[in-house]
Amino acid sequence: MAAYREGDVLQAEVRVDGRGDAKVRPVVVIEWEDAVTLRVLPVTSRSPVDAPHVAVELVDFVQGGLDFFEASYVLTTSECRVGVREVRGRKGRLAREPLEAIRAALPSTRGRAGKG
């Protein structure tokens, strides 16, 4: 089994907000929930109008990156759970600064200092 960690950007089959069909899309790992489940946040290439988000660009990666030339947006209030079997690949890893911005924007941690 692959070892994933906070800040990894993966391609995984997810259903955003529990609606619609599952779709393979980029996600950011925020935590291992148990031995086979990851807590993730979906990433979109469309600028969200009314959803809390953190913008990330290619320079925000320490490894790899997404296939977009414009900014991508991590949807910080659309947490999903993904089984490791739904992971289709690893796209890269976010640098410390964007990861800290994501942690600070999470509803459960807003206003608290990030770990690590």
Protein backbone atom coordinates (compact mmCIF):
# COMPACT_ATOMS: atom_id res chain seq x y z
CA MET A 1 0.00 0.00 0.00
CA ALA A 2 1.30 3.46 -0.89
CA ALA A 3 2.16 5.84 1.92
CA TYR A 4 0.44 9.20 1.58
CA ARG A 5 0.86 12.18 3.84
CA GLU A 6 -0.61 15.58 4.51
CA GLY A 7 -0.02 17.90 1.57
CA ASP A 8 0.12 15.18 -1.08
CA VAL A 9 -1.90 16.05 -4.18
CA LEU A 10 -3.51 12.93 -5.60
CA GLN A 11 -5.86 11.97 -8.40
CA ALA A 12 -8.74 10.12 -6.73
CA GLU A 13 -12.30 9.10 -7.40
CA VAL A 14 -14.47 11.37 -5.23
CA ARG A 15 -18.00 12.69 -4.99
CA VAL A 16 -17.90 16.34 -3.90
CA ASP A 17 -20.41 17.22 -1.17
CA GLY A 18 -21.89 13.72 -1.44
CA ARG A 19 -23.77 14.69 -4.60
CA GLY A 20 -23.67 13.38 -8.14
CA ASP A 21 -21.50 10.64 -9.54
CA ALA A 22 -17.98 10.01 -8.33
CA LYS A 23 -15.38 11.58 -10.60
CA VAL A 24 -11.59 11.33 -10.78
CA ARG A 25 -10.22 14.71 -9.75
CA PRO A 26 -7.28 16.24 -7.90
CA VAL A 27 -7.46 16.23 -4.10
CA VAL A 28 -5.18 17.38 -1.29
CA VAL A 29 -4.59 14.95 1.58
CA ILE A 30 -5.26 16.53 4.97
CA GLU A 31 -5.08 13.41 7.14
CA TRP A 32 -5.10 9.61 7.30
CA GLU A 33 -8.40 8.71 8.97
CA ASP A 34 -7.65 5.02 9.44
CA ALA A 35 -5.60 2.31 7.74
CA VAL A 36 -7.55 2.53 4.47
CA THR A 37 -9.20 5.97 4.43
CA LEU A 38 -7.85 9.44 3.69
CA ARG A 39 -9.46 12.78 4.51
CA VAL A 40 -9.04 14.99 1.45
CA LEU A 41 -10.10 18.32 -0.02
CA PRO A 42 -11.08 18.54 -3.70
CA VAL A 43 -9.24 20.85 -6.09
CA THR A 44 -10.91 22.66 -8.98
CA SER A 45 -9.63 24.75 -11.86
CA ARG A 46 -12.68 27.04 -11.70
CA SER A 47 -12.54 30.00 -9.35
CA PRO A 48 -15.23 29.40 -6.69
CA VAL A 49 -17.72 32.24 -6.40
CA ASP A 50 -19.18 31.55 -2.97
CA ALA A 51 -17.12 28.70 -1.50
CA PRO A 52 -14.17 29.15 0.88
CA HIS A 53 -10.97 28.16 -0.90
CA VAL A 54 -7.20 28.52 -1.08
CA ALA A 55 -5.60 29.22 -4.45
CA VAL A 56 -2.53 27.18 -5.40
CA GLU A 57 -0.22 27.58 -8.38
CA LEU A 58 2.61 25.54 -9.83
CA VAL A 59 5.14 27.43 -7.66
CA ASP A 60 3.29 26.15 -4.55
CA PHE A 61 4.54 22.60 -5.12
CA VAL A 62 7.77 21.13 -3.78
CA GLN A 63 7.29 18.06 -6.00
CA GLY A 64 5.29 17.61 -9.18
CA GLY A 65 2.24 19.77 -9.79
CA LEU A 66 -1.09 19.92 -11.55
CA ASP A 67 -1.53 20.12 -15.31
CA PHE A 68 -2.98 23.64 -15.13
CA PHE A 69 -1.16 26.80 -16.14
CA GLU A 70 -3.52 28.99 -14.13
CA ALA A 71 -4.27 28.84 -10.41
CA SER A 72 -6.21 25.91 -8.98
CA TYR A 73 -8.46 26.16 -5.94
CA VAL A 74 -8.56 23.89 -2.90
CA LEU A 75 -12.16 23.79 -1.61
CA THR A 76 -11.60 24.01 2.15
CA THR A 77 -15.18 23.29 3.25
CA SER A 78 -15.77 20.32 0.93
CA GLU A 79 -13.91 17.63 2.86
CA CYS A 80 -14.29 14.11 1.47
CA ARG A 81 -13.19 10.68 2.57
CA VAL A 82 -11.42 8.53 0.02
CA GLY A 83 -10.42 4.91 0.29
CA VAL A 84 -6.85 4.24 -0.79
CA ARG A 85 -8.30 1.96 -3.51
CA GLU A 86 -9.89 5.05 -5.10
CA VAL A 87 -6.51 6.77 -5.49
CA ARG A 88 -5.49 6.78 -9.16
CA GLY A 89 -2.10 8.45 -8.80
CA ARG A 90 0.03 11.07 -7.12
CA LYS A 91 0.44 14.47 -8.78
CA GLY A 92 2.84 16.07 -6.31
CA ARG A 93 3.25 17.59 -2.87
CA LEU A 94 2.40 21.09 -1.70
CA ALA A 95 5.02 23.32 -0.11
CA ARG A 96 4.75 24.36 3.53
CA GLU A 97 3.20 27.83 2.99
CA PRO A 98 0.14 26.79 0.95
CA LEU A 99 -0.38 23.81 3.26
CA GLU A 100 -0.42 26.15 6.28
CA ALA A 101 -2.95 28.39 4.49
CA ILE A 102 -5.16 25.34 3.86
CA ARG A 103 -4.92 24.24 7.51
CA ALA A 104 -5.87 27.72 8.69
CA ALA A 105 -8.90 27.76 6.38
CA LEU A 106 -10.32 24.42 7.54
CA PRO A 107 -13.55 24.91 9.51
CA SER A 108 -12.33 22.64 12.33
CA THR A 109 -9.01 24.48 12.73
CA ARG A 110 -9.81 28.06 11.73
CA GLY A 111 -7.81 30.43 13.89
CA ARG A 112 -5.54 27.76 15.37
CA ALA A 113 -1.89 27.32 14.53
CA GLY A 114 -1.16 24.47 12.14
CA LYS A 115 0.87 21.45 13.14
CA GLY A 116 4.17 20.46 11.59
